[in-house]
Amino acid sequence: MRRVAWICTVLSVLLLADGLWMTVSHYHPGDQNTFTGNSNLVLSDGQVGLILAGFLTVATAVMWVLVFRREALARQEQARDASRSASKA
């Protein structure tokens, strides 16, 4: 799970950098996106990239929380097992 979290972290940083570059450089290749299907809300590629990077960053943060929680539970179980085996001896 840690490996997937690292991959998502790298992807979110790359997507954020790409969206920022497109927005700052005013990159408009001629096509526009209706993000929600609303024809009145037309976004550039950079803005859509930033929105998607935000979603991926939130999902990545949740993934890292789950990774750290799982590792903490594993350490607690190991400490509990070690104290049980020490008390038996």
PDB file of N, CA and C in Angstrom:
ATOM      1  N   MET A   1       0.827  -1.191   0.000  1.00  0.00           N
ATOM      2  CA  MET A   1       0.000   0.000   0.000  1.00  0.00           C
ATOM      3  C   MET A   1       0.876   1.262   0.000  1.00  0.00           C
ATOM      4  N   ARG A   2       2.019   1.148   0.647  1.00  0.00           N
ATOM      5  CA  ARG A   2       2.933   2.289   0.695  1.00  0.00           C
ATOM      6  C   ARG A   2       3.448   2.621  -0.710  1.00  0.00           C
ATOM      7  N   ARG A   3       3.704   1.603  -1.502  1.00  0.00           N
ATOM      8  CA  ARG A   3       4.193   1.820  -2.861  1.00  0.00           C
ATOM      9  C   ARG A   3       3.134   2.540  -3.704  1.00  0.00           C
ATOM     10  N   VAL A   4       1.881   2.155  -3.567  1.00  0.00           N
ATOM     11  CA  VAL A   4       0.798   2.816  -4.301  1.00  0.00           C
ATOM     12  C   VAL A   4       0.659   4.264  -3.850  1.00  0.00           C
ATOM     13  N   ALA A   5       0.831   4.507  -2.560  1.00  0.00           N
ATOM     14  CA  ALA A   5       0.756   5.875  -2.049  1.00  0.00           C
ATOM     15  C   ALA A   5       1.875   6.734  -2.638  1.00  0.00           C
ATOM     16  N   TRP A   6       3.075   6.171  -2.756  1.00  0.00           N
ATOM     17  CA  TRP A   6       4.184   6.927  -3.359  1.00  0.00           C
ATOM     18  C   TRP A   6       3.912   7.225  -4.828  1.00  0.00           C
ATOM     19  N   ILE A   7       3.369   6.253  -5.544  1.00  0.00           N
ATOM     20  CA  ILE A   7       3.059   6.449  -6.960  1.00  0.00           C
ATOM     21  C   ILE A   7       2.007   7.543  -7.124  1.00  0.00           C
ATOM     22  N   CYS A   8       0.973   7.512  -6.296  1.00  0.00           N
ATOM     23  CA  CYS A   8      -0.068   8.541  -6.368  1.00  0.00           C
ATOM     24  C   CYS A   8       0.468   9.910  -5.972  1.00  0.00           C
ATOM     25  N   THR A   9       1.411   9.950  -5.041  1.00  0.00           N
ATOM     26  CA  THR A   9       2.022  11.214  -4.656  1.00  0.00           C
ATOM     27  C   THR A   9       2.787  11.822  -5.829  1.00  0.00           C
ATOM     28  N   VAL A  10       3.578  11.009  -6.503  1.00  0.00           N
ATOM     29  CA  VAL A  10       4.344  11.495  -7.658  1.00  0.00           C
ATOM     30  C   VAL A  10       3.400  11.949  -8.767  1.00  0.00           C
ATOM     31  N   LEU A  11       2.356  11.169  -9.034  1.00  0.00           N
ATOM     32  CA  LEU A  11       1.405  11.542 -10.078  1.00  0.00           C
ATOM     33  C   LEU A  11       0.674  12.840  -9.751  1.00  0.00           C
ATOM     34  N   SER A  12       0.292  13.016  -8.489  1.00  0.00           N
ATOM     35  CA  SER A  12      -0.413  14.245  -8.128  1.00  0.00           C
ATOM     36  C   SER A  12       0.493  15.463  -8.240  1.00  0.00           C
ATOM     37  N   VAL A  13       1.765  15.321  -7.891  1.00  0.00           N
ATOM     38  CA  VAL A  13       2.701  16.447  -8.031  1.00  0.00           C
ATOM     39  C   VAL A  13       2.904  16.778  -9.512  1.00  0.00           C
ATOM     40  N   LEU A  14       3.063  15.756 -10.343  1.00  0.00           N
ATOM     41  CA  LEU A  14       3.239  15.998 -11.779  1.00  0.00           C
ATOM     42  C   LEU A  14       1.995  16.626 -12.406  1.00  0.00           C
ATOM     43  N   LEU A  15       0.825  16.157 -12.020  1.00  0.00           N
ATOM     44  CA  LEU A  15      -0.415  16.715 -12.553  1.00  0.00           C
ATOM     45  C   LEU A  15      -0.613  18.148 -12.079  1.00  0.00           C
ATOM     46  N   LEU A  16      -0.264  18.423 -10.830  1.00  0.00           N
ATOM     47  CA  LEU A  16      -0.354  19.783 -10.311  1.00  0.00           C
ATOM     48  C   LEU A  16       0.607  20.711 -11.061  1.00  0.00           C
ATOM     49  N   ALA A  17       1.830  20.253 -11.298  1.00  0.00           N
ATOM     50  CA  ALA A  17       2.801  21.066 -12.030  1.00  0.00           C
ATOM     51  C   ALA A  17       2.329  21.330 -13.455  1.00  0.00           C
ATOM     52  N   ASP A  18       1.765  20.329 -14.101  1.00  0.00           N
ATOM     53  CA  ASP A  18       1.281  20.501 -15.469  1.00  0.00           C
ATOM     54  C   ASP A  18       0.109  21.479 -15.509  1.00  0.00           C
ATOM     55  N   GLY A  19      -0.818  21.342 -14.575  1.00  0.00           N
ATOM     56  CA  GLY A  19      -1.956  22.265 -14.529  1.00  0.00           C
ATOM     57  C   GLY A  19      -1.527  23.687 -14.241  1.00  0.00           C
ATOM     58  N   LEU A  20      -0.560  23.844 -13.331  1.00  0.00           N
ATOM     59  CA  LEU A  20      -0.048  25.183 -13.041  1.00  0.00           C
ATOM     60  C   LEU A  20       0.649  25.785 -14.260  1.00  0.00           C
ATOM     61  N   TRP A  21       1.450  24.982 -14.956  1.00  0.00           N
ATOM     62  CA  TRP A  21       2.148  25.488 -16.141  1.00  0.00           C
ATOM     63  C   TRP A  21       1.152  25.917 -17.209  1.00  0.00           C
ATOM     64  N   MET A  22       0.129  25.109 -17.442  1.00  0.00           N
ATOM     65  CA  MET A  22      -0.869  25.462 -18.453  1.00  0.00           C
ATOM     66  C   MET A  22      -1.642  26.713 -18.067  1.00  0.00           C
ATOM     67  N   THR A  23      -1.943  26.872 -16.786  1.00  0.00           N
ATOM     68  CA  THR A  23      -2.695  28.041 -16.344  1.00  0.00           C
ATOM     69  C   THR A  23      -1.835  29.303 -16.394  1.00  0.00           C
ATOM     70  N   VAL A  24      -0.611  29.210 -15.900  1.00  0.00           N
ATOM     71  CA  VAL A  24       0.260  30.390 -15.854  1.00  0.00           C
ATOM     72  C   VAL A  24       0.684  30.839 -17.250  1.00  0.00           C
ATOM     73  N   SER A  25       0.934  29.893 -18.143  1.00  0.00           N
ATOM     74  CA  SER A  25       1.379  30.253 -19.492  1.00  0.00           C
ATOM     75  C   SER A  25       0.211  30.543 -20.439  1.00  0.00           C
ATOM     76  N   HIS A  26      -1.010  30.484 -19.936  1.00  0.00           N
ATOM     77  CA  HIS A  26      -2.224  30.736 -20.739  1.00  0.00           C
ATOM     78  C   HIS A  26      -2.271  29.817 -21.955  1.00  0.00           C
ATOM     79  N   TYR A  27      -2.011  28.542 -21.710  1.00  0.00           N
ATOM     80  CA  TYR A  27      -2.001  27.539 -22.775  1.00  0.00           C
ATOM     81  C   TYR A  27      -3.439  27.219 -23.159  1.00  0.00           C
ATOM     82  N   HIS A  28      -3.811  27.535 -24.389  1.00  0.00           N
ATOM     83  CA  HIS A  28      -5.148  27.227 -24.910  1.00  0.00           C
ATOM     84  C   HIS A  28      -4.980  26.629 -26.299  1.00  0.00           C
ATOM     85  N   PRO A  29      -5.054  25.311 -26.411  1.00  0.00           N
ATOM     86  CA  PRO A  29      -4.814  24.693 -27.713  1.00  0.00           C
ATOM     87  C   PRO A  29      -5.983  24.805 -28.686  1.00  0.00           C
ATOM     88  N   GLY A  30      -7.052  25.485 -28.307  1.00  0.00           N
ATOM     89  CA  GLY A  30      -8.180  25.632 -29.212  1.00  0.00           C
ATOM     90  C   GLY A  30      -9.405  24.850 -28.774  1.00  0.00           C
ATOM     91  N   ASP A  31      -9.239  23.925 -27.852  1.00  0.00           N
ATOM     92  CA  ASP A  31     -10.406  23.208 -27.356  1.00  0.00           C
ATOM     93  C   ASP A  31     -10.664  23.619 -25.910  1.00  0.00           C
ATOM     94  N   GLN A  32     -11.915  23.594 -25.534  1.00  0.00           N
ATOM     95  CA  GLN A  32     -12.295  23.948 -24.182  1.00  0.00           C
ATOM     96  C   GLN A  32     -13.123  22.817 -23.607  1.00  0.00           C
ATOM     97  N   ASN A  33     -13.203  22.782 -22.303  1.00  0.00           N
ATOM     98  CA  ASN A  33     -13.867  21.675 -21.626  1.00  0.00           C
ATOM     99  C   ASN A  33     -15.082  22.176 -20.859  1.00  0.00           C
ATOM    100  N   THR A  34     -16.181  21.474 -21.022  1.00  0.00           N
ATOM    101  CA  THR A  34     -17.320  21.724 -20.145  1.00  0.00           C
ATOM    102  C   THR A  34     -17.204  20.694 -19.038  1.00  0.00           C
ATOM    103  N   PHE A  35     -16.745  21.145 -17.873  1.00  0.00           N
ATOM    104  CA  PHE A  35     -16.359  20.223 -16.803  1.00  0.00           C
ATOM    105  C   PHE A  35     -17.539  19.429 -16.269  1.00  0.00           C
ATOM    106  N   THR A  36     -18.666  20.069 -16.052  1.00  0.00           N
ATOM    107  CA  THR A  36     -19.820  19.371 -15.471  1.00  0.00           C
ATOM    108  C   THR A  36     -20.926  19.134 -16.483  1.00  0.00           C
ATOM    109  N   GLY A  37     -20.675  19.402 -17.755  1.00  0.00           N
ATOM    110  CA  GLY A  37     -21.706  19.257 -18.767  1.00  0.00           C
ATOM    111  C   GLY A  37     -22.499  20.532 -18.953  1.00  0.00           C
ATOM    112  N   ASN A  38     -22.245  21.545 -18.112  1.00  0.00           N
ATOM    113  CA  ASN A  38     -22.913  22.825 -18.221  1.00  0.00           C
ATOM    114  C   ASN A  38     -22.203  23.643 -19.295  1.00  0.00           C
ATOM    115  N   SER A  39     -22.915  24.005 -20.349  1.00  0.00           N
ATOM    116  CA  SER A  39     -22.271  24.722 -21.446  1.00  0.00           C
ATOM    117  C   SER A  39     -21.918  26.154 -21.068  1.00  0.00           C
ATOM    118  N   ASN A  40     -22.442  26.669 -19.972  1.00  0.00           N
ATOM    119  CA  ASN A  40     -22.089  28.019 -19.522  1.00  0.00           C
ATOM    120  C   ASN A  40     -20.781  28.026 -18.738  1.00  0.00           C
ATOM    121  N   LEU A  41     -20.362  26.885 -18.224  1.00  0.00           N
ATOM    122  CA  LEU A  41     -19.131  26.775 -17.441  1.00  0.00           C
ATOM    123  C   LEU A  41     -18.065  26.121 -18.309  1.00  0.00           C
ATOM    124  N   VAL A  42     -17.258  26.936 -18.960  1.00  0.00           N
ATOM    125  CA  VAL A  42     -16.231  26.438 -19.871  1.00  0.00           C
ATOM    126  C   VAL A  42     -14.876  26.691 -19.216  1.00  0.00           C
ATOM    127  N   LEU A  43     -14.086  25.631 -19.066  1.00  0.00           N
ATOM    128  CA  LEU A  43     -12.791  25.712 -18.402  1.00  0.00           C
ATOM    129  C   LEU A  43     -11.672  25.385 -19.377  1.00  0.00           C
ATOM    130  N   SER A  44     -10.502  25.949 -19.114  1.00  0.00           N
ATOM    131  CA  SER A  44      -9.345  25.616 -19.938  1.00  0.00           C
ATOM    132  C   SER A  44      -8.749  24.297 -19.463  1.00  0.00           C
ATOM    133  N   ASP A  45      -7.823  23.772 -20.230  1.00  0.00           N
ATOM    134  CA  ASP A  45      -7.171  22.511 -19.867  1.00  0.00           C
ATOM    135  C   ASP A  45      -6.406  22.642 -18.559  1.00  0.00           C
ATOM    136  N   GLY A  46      -5.776  23.775 -18.330  1.00  0.00           N
ATOM    137  CA  GLY A  46      -5.021  23.992 -17.099  1.00  0.00           C
ATOM    138  C   GLY A  46      -5.919  23.977 -15.870  1.00  0.00           C
ATOM    139  N   GLN A  47      -7.092  24.603 -15.984  1.00  0.00           N
ATOM    140  CA  GLN A  47      -8.020  24.614 -14.853  1.00  0.00           C
ATOM    141  C   GLN A  47      -8.547  23.220 -14.549  1.00  0.00           C
ATOM    142  N   VAL A  48      -8.841  22.460 -15.588  1.00  0.00           N
ATOM    143  CA  VAL A  48      -9.302  21.085 -15.383  1.00  0.00           C
ATOM    144  C   VAL A  48      -8.185  20.247 -14.765  1.00  0.00           C
ATOM    145  N   GLY A  49      -6.954  20.469 -15.210  1.00  0.00           N
ATOM    146  CA  GLY A  49      -5.812  19.756 -14.627  1.00  0.00           C
ATOM    147  C   GLY A  49      -5.642  20.077 -13.152  1.00  0.00           C
ATOM    148  N   LEU A  50      -5.826  21.339 -12.775  1.00  0.00           N
ATOM    149  CA  LEU A  50      -5.715  21.721 -11.365  1.00  0.00           C
ATOM    150  C   LEU A  50      -6.827  21.102 -10.521  1.00  0.00           C
ATOM    151  N   ILE A  51      -8.034  21.049 -11.064  1.00  0.00           N
ATOM    152  CA  ILE A  51      -9.144  20.428 -10.335  1.00  0.00           C
ATOM    153  C   ILE A  51      -8.869  18.941 -10.124  1.00  0.00           C
ATOM    154  N   LEU A  52      -8.426  18.269 -11.171  1.00  0.00           N
ATOM    155  CA  LEU A  52      -8.126  16.843 -11.063  1.00  0.00           C
ATOM    156  C   LEU A  52      -6.947  16.587 -10.132  1.00  0.00           C
ATOM    157  N   ALA A  53      -5.946  17.467 -10.165  1.00  0.00           N
ATOM    158  CA  ALA A  53      -4.812  17.338  -9.241  1.00  0.00           C
ATOM    159  C   ALA A  53      -5.278  17.494  -7.795  1.00  0.00           C
ATOM    160  N   GLY A  54      -6.225  18.380  -7.568  1.00  0.00           N
ATOM    161  CA  GLY A  54      -6.774  18.538  -6.218  1.00  0.00           C
ATOM    162  C   GLY A  54      -7.474  17.278  -5.741  1.00  0.00           C
ATOM    163  N   PHE A  55      -8.291  16.673  -6.604  1.00  0.00           N
ATOM    164  CA  PHE A  55      -8.959  15.422  -6.241  1.00  0.00           C
ATOM    165  C   PHE A  55      -7.953  14.313  -5.953  1.00  0.00           C
ATOM    166  N   LEU A  56      -6.938  14.202  -6.800  1.00  0.00           N
ATOM    167  CA  LEU A  56      -5.926  13.164  -6.610  1.00  0.00           C
ATOM    168  C   LEU A  56      -5.109  13.420  -5.347  1.00  0.00           C
ATOM    169  N   THR A  57      -4.854  14.684  -5.020  1.00  0.00           N
ATOM    170  CA  THR A  57      -4.116  15.011  -3.802  1.00  0.00           C
ATOM    171  C   THR A  57      -4.913  14.633  -2.563  1.00  0.00           C
ATOM    172  N   VAL A  58      -6.205  14.876  -2.572  1.00  0.00           N
ATOM    173  CA  VAL A  58      -7.045  14.484  -1.438  1.00  0.00           C
ATOM    174  C   VAL A  58      -7.056  12.962  -1.281  1.00  0.00           C
ATOM    175  N   ALA A  59      -7.202  12.248  -2.392  1.00  0.00           N
ATOM    176  CA  ALA A  59      -7.197  10.786  -2.333  1.00  0.00           C
ATOM    177  C   ALA A  59      -5.843  10.264  -1.852  1.00  0.00           C
ATOM    178  N   THR A  60      -4.767  10.904  -2.260  1.00  0.00           N
ATOM    179  CA  THR A  60      -3.427  10.498  -1.836  1.00  0.00           C
ATOM    180  C   THR A  60      -3.229  10.749  -0.347  1.00  0.00           C
ATOM    181  N   ALA A  61      -3.739  11.873   0.147  1.00  0.00           N
ATOM    182  CA  ALA A  61      -3.633  12.168   1.580  1.00  0.00           C
ATOM    183  C   ALA A  61      -4.380  11.127   2.406  1.00  0.00           C
ATOM    184  N   VAL A  62      -5.557  10.737   1.955  1.00  0.00           N
ATOM    185  CA  VAL A  62      -6.316   9.688   2.656  1.00  0.00           C
ATOM    186  C   VAL A  62      -5.544   8.374   2.630  1.00  0.00           C
ATOM    187  N   MET A  63      -4.914   8.079   1.499  1.00  0.00           N
ATOM    188  CA  MET A  63      -4.130   6.854   1.388  1.00  0.00           C
ATOM    189  C   MET A  63      -2.955   6.852   2.369  1.00  0.00           C
ATOM    190  N   TRP A  64      -2.255   7.993   2.501  1.00  0.00           N
ATOM    191  CA  TRP A  64      -1.141   8.076   3.444  1.00  0.00           C
ATOM    192  C   TRP A  64      -1.623   7.923   4.882  1.00  0.00           C
ATOM    193  N   VAL A  65      -2.792   8.479   5.209  1.00  0.00           N
ATOM    194  CA  VAL A  65      -3.342   8.304   6.561  1.00  0.00           C
ATOM    195  C   VAL A  65      -3.599   6.831   6.835  1.00  0.00           C
ATOM    196  N   LEU A  66      -4.143   6.130   5.851  1.00  0.00           N
ATOM    197  CA  LEU A  66      -4.400   4.700   6.025  1.00  0.00           C
ATOM    198  C   LEU A  66      -3.103   3.906   6.168  1.00  0.00           C
ATOM    199  N   VAL A  67      -2.070   4.287   5.418  1.00  0.00           N
ATOM    200  CA  VAL A  67      -0.776   3.605   5.521  1.00  0.00           C
ATOM    201  C   VAL A  67      -0.206   3.766   6.919  1.00  0.00           C
ATOM    202  N   PHE A  68      -0.203   5.007   7.432  1.00  0.00           N
ATOM    203  CA  PHE A  68       0.369   5.240   8.761  1.00  0.00           C
ATOM    204  C   PHE A  68      -0.461   4.577   9.856  1.00  0.00           C
ATOM    205  N   ARG A  69      -1.777   4.548   9.686  1.00  0.00           N
ATOM    206  CA  ARG A  69      -2.641   3.905  10.685  1.00  0.00           C
ATOM    207  C   ARG A  69      -2.391   2.396  10.706  1.00  0.00           C
ATOM    208  N   ARG A  70      -2.242   1.807   9.522  1.00  0.00           N
ATOM    209  CA  ARG A  70      -1.995   0.363   9.452  1.00  0.00           C
ATOM    210  C   ARG A  70      -0.660   0.006  10.093  1.00  0.00           C
ATOM    211  N   GLU A  71       0.369   0.838   9.850  1.00  0.00           N
ATOM    212  CA  GLU A  71       1.675   0.577  10.452  1.00  0.00           C
ATOM    213  C   GLU A  71       1.639   0.742  11.969  1.00  0.00           C
ATOM    214  N   ALA A  72       0.880   1.723  12.455  1.00  0.00           N
ATOM    215  CA  ALA A  72       0.768   1.920  13.903  1.00  0.00           C
ATOM    216  C   ALA A  72       0.056   0.731  14.549  1.00  0.00           C
ATOM    217  N   LEU A  73      -0.980   0.217  13.913  1.00  0.00           N
ATOM    218  CA  LEU A  73      -1.679  -0.952  14.453  1.00  0.00           C
ATOM    219  C   LEU A  73      -0.776  -2.176  14.461  1.00  0.00           C
ATOM    220  N   ALA A  74       0.036  -2.325  13.420  1.00  0.00           N
ATOM    221  CA  ALA A  74       0.958  -3.465  13.368  1.00  0.00           C
ATOM    222  C   ALA A  74       1.993  -3.368  14.482  1.00  0.00           C
ATOM    223  N   ARG A  75       2.491  -2.146  14.758  1.00  0.00           N
ATOM    224  CA  ARG A  75       3.456  -1.972  15.855  1.00  0.00           C
ATOM    225  C   ARG A  75       2.820  -2.270  17.211  1.00  0.00           C
ATOM    226  N   GLN A  76       1.568  -1.866  17.388  1.00  0.00           N
ATOM    227  CA  GLN A  76       0.867  -2.148  18.651  1.00  0.00           C
ATOM    228  C   GLN A  76       0.684  -3.646  18.848  1.00  0.00           C
ATOM    229  N   GLU A  77       0.340  -4.347  17.776  1.00  0.00           N
ATOM    230  CA  GLU A  77       0.177  -5.799  17.881  1.00  0.00           C
ATOM    231  C   GLU A  77       1.503  -6.482  18.201  1.00  0.00           C
ATOM    232  N   GLN A  78       2.577  -6.020  17.585  1.00  0.00           N
ATOM    233  CA  GLN A  78       3.889  -6.605  17.878  1.00  0.00           C
ATOM    234  C   GLN A  78       4.289  -6.357  19.320  1.00  0.00           C
ATOM    235  N   ALA A  79       4.014  -5.171  19.827  1.00  0.00           N
ATOM    236  CA  ALA A  79       4.353  -4.862  21.235  1.00  0.00           C
ATOM    237  C   ALA A  79       3.492  -5.703  22.163  1.00  0.00           C
ATOM    238  N   ARG A  80       2.244  -5.882  21.837  1.00  0.00           N
ATOM    239  CA  ARG A  80       1.333  -6.691  22.656  1.00  0.00           C
ATOM    240  C   ARG A  80       1.781  -8.146  22.663  1.00  0.00           C
ATOM    241  N   ASP A  81       2.157  -8.667  21.477  1.00  0.00           N
ATOM    242  CA  ASP A  81       2.638 -10.060  21.402  1.00  0.00           C
ATOM    243  C   ASP A  81       3.951 -10.227  22.161  1.00  0.00           C
ATOM    244  N   ALA A  82       4.824  -9.238  22.077  1.00  0.00           N
ATOM    245  CA  ALA A  82       6.114  -9.314  22.788  1.00  0.00           C
ATOM    246  C   ALA A  82       5.887  -9.298  24.291  1.00  0.00           C
ATOM    247  N   SER A  83       4.939  -8.502  24.765  1.00  0.00           N
ATOM    248  CA  SER A  83       4.693  -8.468  26.217  1.00  0.00           C
ATOM    249  C   SER A  83       4.028  -9.770  26.690  1.00  0.00           C
ATOM    250  N   ARG A  84       3.208 -10.370  25.862  1.00  0.00           N
ATOM    251  CA  ARG A  84       2.587 -11.655  26.222  1.00  0.00           C
ATOM    252  C   ARG A  84       3.625 -12.753  26.318  1.00  0.00           C
ATOM    253  N   SER A  85       4.546 -12.801  25.326  1.00  0.00           N
ATOM    254  CA  SER A  85       5.554 -13.847  25.331  1.00  0.00           C
ATOM    255  C   SER A  85       6.552 -13.624  26.484  1.00  0.00           C
ATOM    256  N   ALA A  86       6.804 -12.380  26.855  1.00  0.00           N
ATOM    257  CA  ALA A  86       7.700 -12.109  27.975  1.00  0.00           C
ATOM    258  C   ALA A  86       7.061 -12.508  29.300  1.00  0.00           C
ATOM    259  N   SER A  87       5.750 -12.332  29.419  1.00  0.00           N
ATOM    260  CA  SER A  87       5.086 -12.684  30.673  1.00  0.00           C
ATOM    261  C   SER A  87       4.956 -14.206  30.831  1.00  0.00           C
ATOM    262  N   LYS A  88       4.948 -14.971  29.740  1.00  0.00           N
ATOM    263  CA  LYS A  88       4.867 -16.419  29.802  1.00  0.00           C
ATOM    264  C   LYS A  88       6.201 -17.036  30.228  1.00  0.00           C
ATOM    265  N   ALA A  89       7.280 -16.364  29.913  1.00  0.00           N
ATOM    266  CA  ALA A  89       8.602 -16.919  30.186  1.00  0.00           C
ATOM    267  C   ALA A  89       9.009 -16.763  31.623  1.00  0.00           C
TER     268      ALA A  89
END
